[in-house]
Amino acid sequence: NVVVVGAQWGDEGKGKIVDWLSERA
């Protein structure tokens, strides 16, 4: 199980990465 967090002040590009991972979740 994977947690995705922004590691700066937000707006890091989480949307694309989450989408990329969500295909397999």
PDB file of all heavy atoms in Angstrom:
ATOM      1  N   ASN A   1       0.850  -1.183   0.000  1.00  0.00           N
ATOM      2  CA  ASN A   1       0.000   0.000   0.000  1.00  0.00           C
ATOM      3  C   ASN A   1       0.890   1.238   0.000  1.00  0.00           C
ATOM      4  O   ASN A   1       1.887   1.286   0.704  1.00  0.00           O
ATOM      5  CB  ASN A   1      -0.927   0.007   1.219  1.00  0.00           C
ATOM      6  CG  ASN A   1      -1.854  -1.189   1.225  1.00  0.00           C
ATOM      7  OD1 ASN A   1      -2.355  -1.599   0.181  1.00  0.00           O
ATOM      8  ND2 ASN A   1      -2.070  -1.780   2.390  1.00  0.00           N
ATOM      9  N   VAL A   2       0.507   2.232  -0.777  1.00  0.00           N
ATOM     10  CA  VAL A   2       1.384   3.373  -1.035  1.00  0.00           C
ATOM     11  C   VAL A   2       0.704   4.677  -0.606  1.00  0.00           C
ATOM     12  O   VAL A   2      -0.470   4.906  -0.909  1.00  0.00           O
ATOM     13  CB  VAL A   2       1.738   3.463  -2.541  1.00  0.00           C
ATOM     14  CG1 VAL A   2       2.622   4.676  -2.823  1.00  0.00           C
ATOM     15  CG2 VAL A   2       2.430   2.179  -3.005  1.00  0.00           C
ATOM     16  N   VAL A   3       1.475   5.527   0.102  1.00  0.00           N
ATOM     17  CA  VAL A   3       1.025   6.886   0.433  1.00  0.00           C
ATOM     18  C   VAL A   3       1.763   7.864  -0.479  1.00  0.00           C
ATOM     19  O   VAL A   3       2.988   7.792  -0.599  1.00  0.00           O
ATOM     20  CB  VAL A   3       1.318   7.251   1.904  1.00  0.00           C
ATOM     21  CG1 VAL A   3       0.887   8.690   2.191  1.00  0.00           C
ATOM     22  CG2 VAL A   3       0.604   6.305   2.855  1.00  0.00           C
ATOM     23  N   VAL A   4       1.014   8.759  -1.097  1.00  0.00           N
ATOM     24  CA  VAL A   4       1.618   9.818  -1.913  1.00  0.00           C
ATOM     25  C   VAL A   4       1.473  11.141  -1.167  1.00  0.00           C
ATOM     26  O   VAL A   4       0.355  11.546  -0.830  1.00  0.00           O
ATOM     27  CB  VAL A   4       0.947   9.915  -3.294  1.00  0.00           C
ATOM     28  CG1 VAL A   4       1.471  11.125  -4.061  1.00  0.00           C
ATOM     29  CG2 VAL A   4       1.204   8.643  -4.092  1.00  0.00           C
ATOM     30  N   VAL A   5       2.608  11.783  -0.897  1.00  0.00           N
ATOM     31  CA  VAL A   5       2.571  13.089  -0.240  1.00  0.00           C
ATOM     32  C   VAL A   5       3.372  14.099  -1.052  1.00  0.00           C
ATOM     33  O   VAL A   5       4.387  13.754  -1.671  1.00  0.00           O
ATOM     34  CB  VAL A   5       3.136  13.048   1.216  1.00  0.00           C
ATOM     35  CG1 VAL A   5       2.270  12.226   2.118  1.00  0.00           C
ATOM     36  CG2 VAL A   5       4.573  12.533   1.245  1.00  0.00           C
ATOM     37  N   GLY A   6       2.924  15.336  -1.052  1.00  0.00           N
ATOM     38  CA  GLY A   6       3.737  16.412  -1.601  1.00  0.00           C
ATOM     39  C   GLY A   6       4.845  16.712  -0.606  1.00  0.00           C
ATOM     40  O   GLY A   6       4.593  16.817   0.594  1.00  0.00           O
ATOM     41  N   ALA A   7       6.084  16.825  -1.079  1.00  0.00           N
ATOM     42  CA  ALA A   7       7.203  16.983  -0.148  1.00  0.00           C
ATOM     43  C   ALA A   7       7.732  18.413  -0.096  1.00  0.00           C
ATOM     44  O   ALA A   7       8.724  18.677   0.597  1.00  0.00           O
ATOM     45  CB  ALA A   7       8.324  16.008  -0.510  1.00  0.00           C
ATOM     46  N   GLN A   8       7.048  19.336  -0.811  1.00  0.00           N
ATOM     47  CA  GLN A   8       7.426  20.753  -0.729  1.00  0.00           C
ATOM     48  C   GLN A   8       6.216  21.547  -0.251  1.00  0.00           C
ATOM     49  O   GLN A   8       5.602  21.161   0.744  1.00  0.00           O
ATOM     50  CB  GLN A   8       7.971  21.220  -2.099  1.00  0.00           C
ATOM     51  CG  GLN A   8       9.307  20.520  -2.463  1.00  0.00           C
ATOM     52  CD  GLN A   8       9.607  20.532  -3.940  1.00  0.00           C
ATOM     53  OE1 GLN A   8       8.771  20.156  -4.755  1.00  0.00           O
ATOM     54  NE2 GLN A   8      10.812  20.931  -4.322  1.00  0.00           N
ATOM     55  N   TRP A   9       5.886  22.657  -0.951  1.00  0.00           N
ATOM     56  CA  TRP A   9       4.738  23.463  -0.530  1.00  0.00           C
ATOM     57  C   TRP A   9       3.483  23.178  -1.358  1.00  0.00           C
ATOM     58  O   TRP A   9       2.641  24.037  -1.546  1.00  0.00           O
ATOM     59  CB  TRP A   9       5.072  24.957  -0.605  1.00  0.00           C
ATOM     60  CG  TRP A   9       5.816  25.492   0.577  1.00  0.00           C
ATOM     61  CD1 TRP A   9       5.315  25.686   1.841  1.00  0.00           C
ATOM     62  CD2 TRP A   9       7.174  25.945   0.627  1.00  0.00           C
ATOM     63  NE1 TRP A   9       6.280  26.227   2.658  1.00  0.00           N
ATOM     64  CE2 TRP A   9       7.434  26.409   1.947  1.00  0.00           C
ATOM     65  CE3 TRP A   9       8.190  26.030  -0.303  1.00  0.00           C
ATOM     66  CZ2 TRP A   9       8.647  26.919   2.340  1.00  0.00           C
ATOM     67  CZ3 TRP A   9       9.410  26.528   0.087  1.00  0.00           C
ATOM     68  CH2 TRP A   9       9.646  26.968   1.396  1.00  0.00           C
ATOM     69  N   GLY A  10       3.364  21.986  -1.887  1.00  0.00           N
ATOM     70  CA  GLY A  10       2.232  21.660  -2.743  1.00  0.00           C
ATOM     71  C   GLY A  10       2.552  21.966  -4.203  1.00  0.00           C
ATOM     72  O   GLY A  10       3.624  22.470  -4.545  1.00  0.00           O
ATOM     73  N   ASP A  11       1.616  21.630  -5.081  1.00  0.00           N
ATOM     74  CA  ASP A  11       1.762  21.894  -6.524  1.00  0.00           C
ATOM     75  C   ASP A  11       2.987  21.192  -7.123  1.00  0.00           C
ATOM     76  O   ASP A  11       3.615  21.693  -8.053  1.00  0.00           O
ATOM     77  CB  ASP A  11       1.854  23.407  -6.819  1.00  0.00           C
ATOM     78  CG  ASP A  11       0.671  24.187  -6.266  1.00  0.00           C
ATOM     79  OD1 ASP A  11      -0.459  23.783  -6.537  1.00  0.00           O
ATOM     80  OD2 ASP A  11       0.875  25.170  -5.559  1.00  0.00           O
ATOM     81  N   GLU A  12       3.333  20.019  -6.601  1.00  0.00           N
ATOM     82  CA  GLU A  12       4.533  19.323  -7.073  1.00  0.00           C
ATOM     83  C   GLU A  12       4.295  18.436  -8.293  1.00  0.00           C
ATOM     84  O   GLU A  12       5.220  17.825  -8.819  1.00  0.00           O
ATOM     85  CB  GLU A  12       5.136  18.442  -5.960  1.00  0.00           C
ATOM     86  CG  GLU A  12       5.536  19.192  -4.701  1.00  0.00           C
ATOM     87  CD  GLU A  12       4.450  19.132  -3.644  1.00  0.00           C
ATOM     88  OE1 GLU A  12       3.291  18.723  -3.990  1.00  0.00           O
ATOM     89  OE2 GLU A  12       4.711  19.479  -2.495  1.00  0.00           O
ATOM     90  N   GLY A  13       3.033  18.339  -8.718  1.00  0.00           N
ATOM     91  CA  GLY A  13       2.712  17.441  -9.828  1.00  0.00           C
ATOM     92  C   GLY A  13       2.176  16.103  -9.360  1.00  0.00           C
ATOM     93  O   GLY A  13       2.382  15.068  -9.996  1.00  0.00           O
ATOM     94  N   LYS A  14       1.462  16.120  -8.195  1.00  0.00           N
ATOM     95  CA  LYS A  14       0.939  14.877  -7.624  1.00  0.00           C
ATOM     96  C   LYS A  14      -0.097  14.238  -8.537  1.00  0.00           C
ATOM     97  O   LYS A  14      -0.209  13.018  -8.602  1.00  0.00           O
ATOM     98  CB  LYS A  14       0.304  15.150  -6.246  1.00  0.00           C
ATOM     99  CG  LYS A  14       1.288  15.533  -5.167  1.00  0.00           C
ATOM    100  CD  LYS A  14       0.636  15.670  -3.803  1.00  0.00           C
ATOM    101  CE  LYS A  14      -0.285  16.864  -3.728  1.00  0.00           C
ATOM    102  NZ  LYS A  14       0.380  18.187  -3.890  1.00  0.00           N
ATOM    103  N   GLY A  15      -0.873  15.071  -9.247  1.00  0.00           N
ATOM    104  CA  GLY A  15      -1.982  14.555 -10.051  1.00  0.00           C
ATOM    105  C   GLY A  15      -1.541  13.498 -11.039  1.00  0.00           C
ATOM    106  O   GLY A  15      -2.104  12.395 -11.102  1.00  0.00           O
ATOM    107  N   LYS A  16      -0.506  13.804 -11.805  1.00  0.00           N
ATOM    108  CA  LYS A  16      -0.023  12.853 -12.806  1.00  0.00           C
ATOM    109  C   LYS A  16       0.491  11.575 -12.147  1.00  0.00           C
ATOM    110  O   LYS A  16       0.198  10.468 -12.606  1.00  0.00           O
ATOM    111  CB  LYS A  16       1.101  13.493 -13.642  1.00  0.00           C
ATOM    112  CG  LYS A  16       1.840  12.473 -14.484  1.00  0.00           C
ATOM    113  CD  LYS A  16       3.105  12.977 -15.119  1.00  0.00           C
ATOM    114  CE  LYS A  16       4.003  11.828 -15.540  1.00  0.00           C
ATOM    115  NZ  LYS A  16       5.143  12.263 -16.362  1.00  0.00           N
ATOM    116  N   ILE A  17       1.272  11.736 -11.071  1.00  0.00           N
ATOM    117  CA  ILE A  17       1.874  10.568 -10.417  1.00  0.00           C
ATOM    118  C   ILE A  17       0.788   9.685  -9.794  1.00  0.00           C
ATOM    119  O   ILE A  17       0.822   8.458  -9.907  1.00  0.00           O
ATOM    120  CB  ILE A  17       2.909  10.997  -9.355  1.00  0.00           C
ATOM    121  CG1 ILE A  17       4.003  11.878  -9.975  1.00  0.00           C
ATOM    122  CG2 ILE A  17       3.503   9.783  -8.660  1.00  0.00           C
ATOM    123  CD1 ILE A  17       4.872  11.224 -11.007  1.00  0.00           C
ATOM    124  N   VAL A  18      -0.186  10.327  -9.130  1.00  0.00           N
ATOM    125  CA  VAL A  18      -1.279   9.560  -8.530  1.00  0.00           C
ATOM    126  C   VAL A  18      -2.054   8.824  -9.610  1.00  0.00           C
ATOM    127  O   VAL A  18      -2.409   7.653  -9.460  1.00  0.00           O
ATOM    128  CB  VAL A  18      -2.203  10.481  -7.698  1.00  0.00           C
ATOM    129  CG1 VAL A  18      -3.499   9.764  -7.343  1.00  0.00           C
ATOM    130  CG2 VAL A  18      -1.502  10.941  -6.430  1.00  0.00           C
ATOM    131  N   ASP A  19      -2.298   9.507 -10.714  1.00  0.00           N
ATOM    132  CA  ASP A  19      -3.007   8.847 -11.812  1.00  0.00           C
ATOM    133  C   ASP A  19      -2.206   7.665 -12.346  1.00  0.00           C
ATOM    134  O   ASP A  19      -2.739   6.588 -12.613  1.00  0.00           O
ATOM    135  CB  ASP A  19      -3.274   9.862 -12.932  1.00  0.00           C
ATOM    136  CG  ASP A  19      -3.850   9.184 -14.166  1.00  0.00           C
ATOM    137  OD1 ASP A  19      -4.864   8.482 -14.021  1.00  0.00           O
ATOM    138  OD2 ASP A  19      -3.268   9.325 -15.252  1.00  0.00           O
ATOM    139  N   TRP A  20      -0.916   7.879 -12.500  1.00  0.00           N
ATOM    140  CA  TRP A  20      -0.026   6.833 -13.003  1.00  0.00           C
ATOM    141  C   TRP A  20      -0.056   5.603 -12.088  1.00  0.00           C
ATOM    142  O   TRP A  20      -0.091   4.462 -12.531  1.00  0.00           O
ATOM    143  CB  TRP A  20       1.381   7.417 -13.111  1.00  0.00           C
ATOM    144  CG  TRP A  20       2.390   6.560 -13.802  1.00  0.00           C
ATOM    145  CD1 TRP A  20       2.595   6.418 -15.149  1.00  0.00           C
ATOM    146  CD2 TRP A  20       3.364   5.722 -13.164  1.00  0.00           C
ATOM    147  NE1 TRP A  20       3.632   5.547 -15.379  1.00  0.00           N
ATOM    148  CE2 TRP A  20       4.122   5.113 -14.187  1.00  0.00           C
ATOM    149  CE3 TRP A  20       3.670   5.434 -11.833  1.00  0.00           C
ATOM    150  CZ2 TRP A  20       5.161   4.227 -13.917  1.00  0.00           C
ATOM    151  CZ3 TRP A  20       4.709   4.554 -11.560  1.00  0.00           C
ATOM    152  CH2 TRP A  20       5.433   3.965 -12.595  1.00  0.00           C
ATOM    153  N   LEU A  21      -0.078   5.851 -10.774  1.00  0.00           N
ATOM    154  CA  LEU A  21      -0.120   4.761  -9.807  1.00  0.00           C
ATOM    155  C   LEU A  21      -1.514   4.156  -9.673  1.00  0.00           C
ATOM    156  O   LEU A  21      -1.667   2.961  -9.426  1.00  0.00           O
ATOM    157  CB  LEU A  21       0.337   5.255  -8.433  1.00  0.00           C
ATOM    158  CG  LEU A  21       1.832   5.579  -8.286  1.00  0.00           C
ATOM    159  CD1 LEU A  21       2.079   6.351  -6.995  1.00  0.00           C
ATOM    160  CD2 LEU A  21       2.676   4.311  -8.299  1.00  0.00           C
ATOM    161  N   SER A  22      -2.534   5.001  -9.832  1.00  0.00           N
ATOM    162  CA  SER A  22      -3.905   4.547  -9.573  1.00  0.00           C
ATOM    163  C   SER A  22      -4.355   3.469 -10.550  1.00  0.00           C
ATOM    164  O   SER A  22      -5.254   2.691 -10.249  1.00  0.00           O
ATOM    165  CB  SER A  22      -4.886   5.723  -9.607  1.00  0.00           C
ATOM    166  OG  SER A  22      -5.017   6.253 -10.914  1.00  0.00           O
ATOM    167  N   GLU A  23      -3.720   3.425 -11.703  1.00  0.00           N
ATOM    168  CA  GLU A  23      -4.073   2.392 -12.676  1.00  0.00           C
ATOM    169  C   GLU A  23      -3.874   0.997 -12.091  1.00  0.00           C
ATOM    170  O   GLU A  23      -4.564   0.053 -12.434  1.00  0.00           O
ATOM    171  CB  GLU A  23      -3.244   2.573 -13.944  1.00  0.00           C
ATOM    172  CG  GLU A  23      -3.768   1.767 -15.111  1.00  0.00           C
ATOM    173  CD  GLU A  23      -3.108   2.123 -16.426  1.00  0.00           C
ATOM    174  OE1 GLU A  23      -1.878   2.328 -16.459  1.00  0.00           O
ATOM    175  OE2 GLU A  23      -3.824   2.199 -17.419  1.00  0.00           O
ATOM    176  N   ARG A  24      -2.895   0.876 -11.173  1.00  0.00           N
ATOM    177  CA  ARG A  24      -2.583  -0.433 -10.600  1.00  0.00           C
ATOM    178  C   ARG A  24      -3.142  -0.624  -9.186  1.00  0.00           C
ATOM    179  O   ARG A  24      -2.974  -1.680  -8.596  1.00  0.00           O
ATOM    180  CB  ARG A  24      -1.073  -0.626 -10.602  1.00  0.00           C
ATOM    181  CG  ARG A  24      -0.565  -0.736 -12.051  1.00  0.00           C
ATOM    182  CD  ARG A  24       0.856  -0.455 -12.217  1.00  0.00           C
ATOM    183  NE  ARG A  24       1.655  -1.342 -11.374  1.00  0.00           N
ATOM    184  CZ  ARG A  24       2.640  -0.877 -10.634  1.00  0.00           C
ATOM    185  NH1 ARG A  24       2.921   0.403 -10.629  1.00  0.00           N
ATOM    186  NH2 ARG A  24       3.337  -1.724  -9.913  1.00  0.00           N
ATOM    187  N   ALA A  25      -3.759   0.422  -8.654  1.00  0.00           N
ATOM    188  CA  ALA A  25      -4.355   0.313  -7.319  1.00  0.00           C
ATOM    189  C   ALA A  25      -5.792  -0.182  -7.423  1.00  0.00           C
ATOM    190  O   ALA A  25      -6.444  -0.032  -8.457  1.00  0.00           O
ATOM    191  CB  ALA A  25      -4.316   1.670  -6.618  1.00  0.00           C
TER     192      ALA A  25
END
